Amino acid sequence: MRRHGRKDGNHAELERVLRQLGYLVFDCSAVGDGFPDLTVCRAGRVQLLEVKAPGGTLTAEQQRFMQLGWPVTIVRSLDDLVAL
């Protein structure tokens, strides 16, 4: 059964800040099935980001996606964005 994603409460703010930091941002949150929330690119470097609320946990689908070897970075706060 295909599960569609939902956005965490901090999603919009983190997406806005990424754009301010110069990232190209594609919102993939509606894809579901464990696919990360955002695909971002800056200076030719593409990254997959999973947005989680502070204390939020990965779903089983998200864990399976990452176990396949996809490089996904989990971001929960503005500090996480600075560390990218």
N, C-alpha and C. Protein backbone atom coordinates (compact mmCIF):
# COMPACT_ATOMS: atom_id res chain seq x y z
N MET A 1 0.84 -1.18 0.00
CA MET A 1 0.00 0.00 0.00
C MET A 1 0.88 1.24 0.00
N ARG A 2 0.62 2.14 -0.89
CA ARG A 2 1.42 3.36 -1.02
C ARG A 2 1.02 4.37 0.05
N ARG A 3 2.00 4.81 0.81
CA ARG A 3 1.76 5.83 1.83
C ARG A 3 2.30 7.16 1.34
N HIS A 4 1.46 8.17 1.40
CA HIS A 4 1.91 9.51 1.03
C HIS A 4 2.47 10.21 2.25
N GLY A 5 3.49 11.00 2.02
CA GLY A 5 4.14 11.70 3.12
C GLY A 5 3.30 12.84 3.66
N ARG A 6 3.71 13.31 4.80
CA ARG A 6 3.09 14.49 5.39
C ARG A 6 4.22 15.39 5.84
N LYS A 7 3.91 16.66 6.02
CA LYS A 7 4.94 17.62 6.40
C LYS A 7 4.95 17.82 7.91
N ASP A 8 6.16 17.81 8.48
CA ASP A 8 6.31 18.13 9.90
C ASP A 8 6.14 19.63 10.08
N GLY A 9 5.88 20.07 11.30
CA GLY A 9 5.60 21.47 11.59
C GLY A 9 6.73 22.42 11.24
N ASN A 10 7.96 21.95 11.24
CA ASN A 10 9.10 22.81 10.95
C ASN A 10 9.50 22.80 9.48
N HIS A 11 8.78 22.07 8.66
CA HIS A 11 9.13 21.89 7.25
C HIS A 11 9.21 23.22 6.50
N ALA A 12 8.17 24.03 6.59
CA ALA A 12 8.13 25.29 5.83
C ALA A 12 9.28 26.22 6.22
N GLU A 13 9.55 26.33 7.51
CA GLU A 13 10.63 27.21 7.96
C GLU A 13 11.99 26.73 7.44
N LEU A 14 12.25 25.43 7.56
CA LEU A 14 13.53 24.91 7.09
C LEU A 14 13.67 25.07 5.58
N GLU A 15 12.59 24.85 4.85
CA GLU A 15 12.63 25.05 3.40
C GLU A 15 12.92 26.51 3.06
N ARG A 16 12.29 27.43 3.76
CA ARG A 16 12.51 28.87 3.53
C ARG A 16 13.97 29.23 3.79
N VAL A 17 14.54 28.74 4.89
CA VAL A 17 15.93 29.07 5.24
C VAL A 17 16.90 28.47 4.22
N LEU A 18 16.62 27.26 3.76
CA LEU A 18 17.48 26.66 2.73
C LEU A 18 17.55 27.56 1.50
N ARG A 19 16.39 28.07 1.08
CA ARG A 19 16.37 28.97 -0.07
C ARG A 19 17.18 30.24 0.22
N GLN A 20 17.06 30.78 1.44
CA GLN A 20 17.83 31.98 1.81
C GLN A 20 19.32 31.70 1.81
N LEU A 21 19.70 30.46 2.10
CA LEU A 21 21.12 30.07 2.10
C LEU A 21 21.64 29.78 0.70
N GLY A 22 20.77 29.91 -0.30
CA GLY A 22 21.21 29.74 -1.68
C GLY A 22 20.98 28.37 -2.27
N TYR A 23 20.23 27.52 -1.61
CA TYR A 23 19.94 26.20 -2.13
C TYR A 23 18.78 26.25 -3.12
N LEU A 24 18.86 25.43 -4.16
CA LEU A 24 17.68 25.10 -4.97
C LEU A 24 16.94 24.04 -4.16
N VAL A 25 15.64 24.17 -4.04
CA VAL A 25 14.88 23.25 -3.18
C VAL A 25 13.71 22.67 -3.96
N PHE A 26 13.60 21.35 -3.95
CA PHE A 26 12.45 20.67 -4.54
C PHE A 26 11.76 19.89 -3.42
N ASP A 27 10.50 20.22 -3.18
CA ASP A 27 9.73 19.58 -2.12
C ASP A 27 9.18 18.25 -2.63
N CYS A 28 9.65 17.16 -2.05
CA CYS A 28 9.25 15.80 -2.44
C CYS A 28 8.36 15.16 -1.39
N SER A 29 7.86 15.94 -0.44
CA SER A 29 7.13 15.36 0.69
C SER A 29 5.88 14.60 0.28
N ALA A 30 5.30 14.92 -0.86
CA ALA A 30 4.09 14.22 -1.30
C ALA A 30 4.38 12.87 -1.96
N VAL A 31 5.64 12.57 -2.22
CA VAL A 31 5.99 11.32 -2.89
C VAL A 31 5.63 10.12 -2.01
N GLY A 32 5.97 10.18 -0.74
CA GLY A 32 5.66 9.08 0.17
C GLY A 32 6.56 7.88 -0.03
N ASP A 33 6.15 6.74 0.48
CA ASP A 33 6.89 5.48 0.40
C ASP A 33 8.32 5.59 0.93
N GLY A 34 8.55 6.48 1.88
CA GLY A 34 9.86 6.60 2.50
C GLY A 34 10.81 7.55 1.79
N PHE A 35 10.39 8.11 0.64
CA PHE A 35 11.27 9.03 -0.07
C PHE A 35 11.46 10.29 0.78
N PRO A 36 12.68 10.85 0.84
CA PRO A 36 12.94 12.03 1.66
C PRO A 36 12.08 13.24 1.28
N ASP A 37 11.92 14.14 2.23
CA ASP A 37 11.06 15.30 2.06
C ASP A 37 11.56 16.31 1.05
N LEU A 38 12.88 16.52 1.02
CA LEU A 38 13.44 17.57 0.17
C LEU A 38 14.63 17.06 -0.62
N THR A 39 14.73 17.53 -1.86
CA THR A 39 15.95 17.36 -2.64
C THR A 39 16.49 18.77 -2.82
N VAL A 40 17.74 18.98 -2.40
CA VAL A 40 18.33 20.31 -2.46
C VAL A 40 19.64 20.26 -3.24
N CYS A 41 20.00 21.42 -3.78
CA CYS A 41 21.25 21.51 -4.54
C CYS A 41 21.86 22.89 -4.33
N ARG A 42 23.17 22.90 -4.10
CA ARG A 42 23.92 24.15 -4.02
C ARG A 42 25.34 23.84 -4.48
N ALA A 43 25.86 24.70 -5.33
CA ALA A 43 27.22 24.55 -5.85
C ALA A 43 27.43 23.19 -6.51
N GLY A 44 26.39 22.70 -7.20
CA GLY A 44 26.49 21.43 -7.91
C GLY A 44 26.38 20.19 -7.05
N ARG A 45 26.14 20.36 -5.77
CA ARG A 45 26.04 19.22 -4.84
C ARG A 45 24.57 18.98 -4.50
N VAL A 46 24.07 17.79 -4.83
CA VAL A 46 22.68 17.42 -4.58
C VAL A 46 22.62 16.59 -3.30
N GLN A 47 21.62 16.91 -2.46
CA GLN A 47 21.43 16.18 -1.20
C GLN A 47 19.96 15.85 -1.01
N LEU A 48 19.71 14.71 -0.38
CA LEU A 48 18.37 14.31 0.02
C LEU A 48 18.22 14.60 1.50
N LEU A 49 17.17 15.33 1.86
CA LEU A 49 16.96 15.71 3.26
C LEU A 49 15.63 15.18 3.76
N GLU A 50 15.65 14.59 4.93
CA GLU A 50 14.43 14.18 5.61
C GLU A 50 14.19 15.16 6.75
N VAL A 51 13.08 15.87 6.70
CA VAL A 51 12.73 16.84 7.74
C VAL A 51 11.99 16.11 8.86
N LYS A 52 12.49 16.27 10.06
CA LYS A 52 11.84 15.68 11.23
C LYS A 52 11.69 16.76 12.30
N ALA A 53 10.58 16.70 13.00
CA ALA A 53 10.40 17.56 14.15
C ALA A 53 11.39 17.12 15.22
N PRO A 54 11.79 18.03 16.11
CA PRO A 54 12.66 17.62 17.21
C PRO A 54 12.01 16.44 17.94
N GLY A 55 12.76 15.37 18.08
CA GLY A 55 12.25 14.18 18.75
C GLY A 55 11.48 13.24 17.83
N GLY A 56 11.26 13.65 16.57
CA GLY A 56 10.53 12.81 15.63
C GLY A 56 11.37 11.61 15.21
N THR A 57 10.71 10.53 14.84
CA THR A 57 11.42 9.31 14.46
C THR A 57 11.11 8.95 13.01
N LEU A 58 12.00 8.17 12.42
CA LEU A 58 11.81 7.71 11.05
C LEU A 58 10.73 6.65 11.01
N THR A 59 9.95 6.66 9.93
CA THR A 59 8.97 5.60 9.72
C THR A 59 9.71 4.36 9.21
N ALA A 60 9.02 3.24 9.23
CA ALA A 60 9.62 2.00 8.72
C ALA A 60 9.99 2.16 7.24
N GLU A 61 9.15 2.86 6.48
CA GLU A 61 9.43 3.08 5.06
C GLU A 61 10.69 3.93 4.87
N GLN A 62 10.85 4.96 5.70
CA GLN A 62 12.04 5.81 5.62
C GLN A 62 13.29 5.02 5.99
N GLN A 63 13.19 4.18 6.99
CA GLN A 63 14.33 3.35 7.38
C GLN A 63 14.72 2.41 6.25
N ARG A 64 13.74 1.78 5.60
CA ARG A 64 14.02 0.87 4.49
C ARG A 64 14.69 1.62 3.33
N PHE A 65 14.20 2.82 3.02
CA PHE A 65 14.79 3.63 1.94
C PHE A 65 16.27 3.88 2.23
N MET A 66 16.57 4.26 3.44
CA MET A 66 17.96 4.55 3.81
C MET A 66 18.81 3.28 3.83
N GLN A 67 18.23 2.16 4.22
CA GLN A 67 18.97 0.90 4.26
C GLN A 67 19.35 0.42 2.86
N LEU A 68 18.65 0.91 1.85
CA LEU A 68 19.00 0.57 0.47
C LEU A 68 20.31 1.24 0.04
N GLY A 69 20.78 2.18 0.86
CA GLY A 69 22.04 2.85 0.57
C GLY A 69 21.93 4.29 0.13
N TRP A 70 20.69 4.80 0.07
CA TRP A 70 20.52 6.20 -0.31
C TRP A 70 21.08 7.11 0.79
N PRO A 71 21.89 8.11 0.42
CA PRO A 71 22.45 9.03 1.41
C PRO A 71 21.43 10.11 1.78
N VAL A 72 20.80 9.95 2.91
CA VAL A 72 19.78 10.88 3.38
C VAL A 72 20.27 11.55 4.66
N THR A 73 20.17 12.87 4.70
CA THR A 73 20.52 13.63 5.89
C THR A 73 19.24 14.02 6.60
N ILE A 74 19.16 13.77 7.90
CA ILE A 74 18.00 14.15 8.69
C ILE A 74 18.24 15.55 9.25
N VAL A 75 17.27 16.45 9.02
CA VAL A 75 17.38 17.80 9.54
C VAL A 75 16.18 18.07 10.46
N ARG A 76 16.48 18.62 11.63
CA ARG A 76 15.45 18.91 12.63
C ARG A 76 15.40 20.38 13.02
N SER A 77 16.49 21.10 12.72
CA SER A 77 16.59 22.48 13.22
C SER A 77 17.44 23.32 12.28
N LEU A 78 17.47 24.60 12.55
CA LEU A 78 18.31 25.51 11.77
C LEU A 78 19.77 25.16 11.93
N ASP A 79 20.16 24.69 13.10
CA ASP A 79 21.56 24.28 13.31
C ASP A 79 21.95 23.14 12.36
N ASP A 80 21.00 22.22 12.11
CA ASP A 80 21.28 21.13 11.18
C ASP A 80 21.51 21.65 9.77
N LEU A 81 20.81 22.71 9.38
CA LEU A 81 21.00 23.29 8.05
C LEU A 81 22.37 23.93 7.92
N VAL A 82 22.81 24.59 8.95
CA VAL A 82 24.12 25.24 8.93
C VAL A 82 25.23 24.18 8.78
N ALA A 83 24.99 23.00 9.35
CA ALA A 83 25.98 21.93 9.30
C ALA A 83 26.06 21.24 7.94
N LEU A 84 25.12 21.53 7.04
CA LEU A 84 25.16 20.90 5.72
C LEU A 84 26.42 21.34 4.99
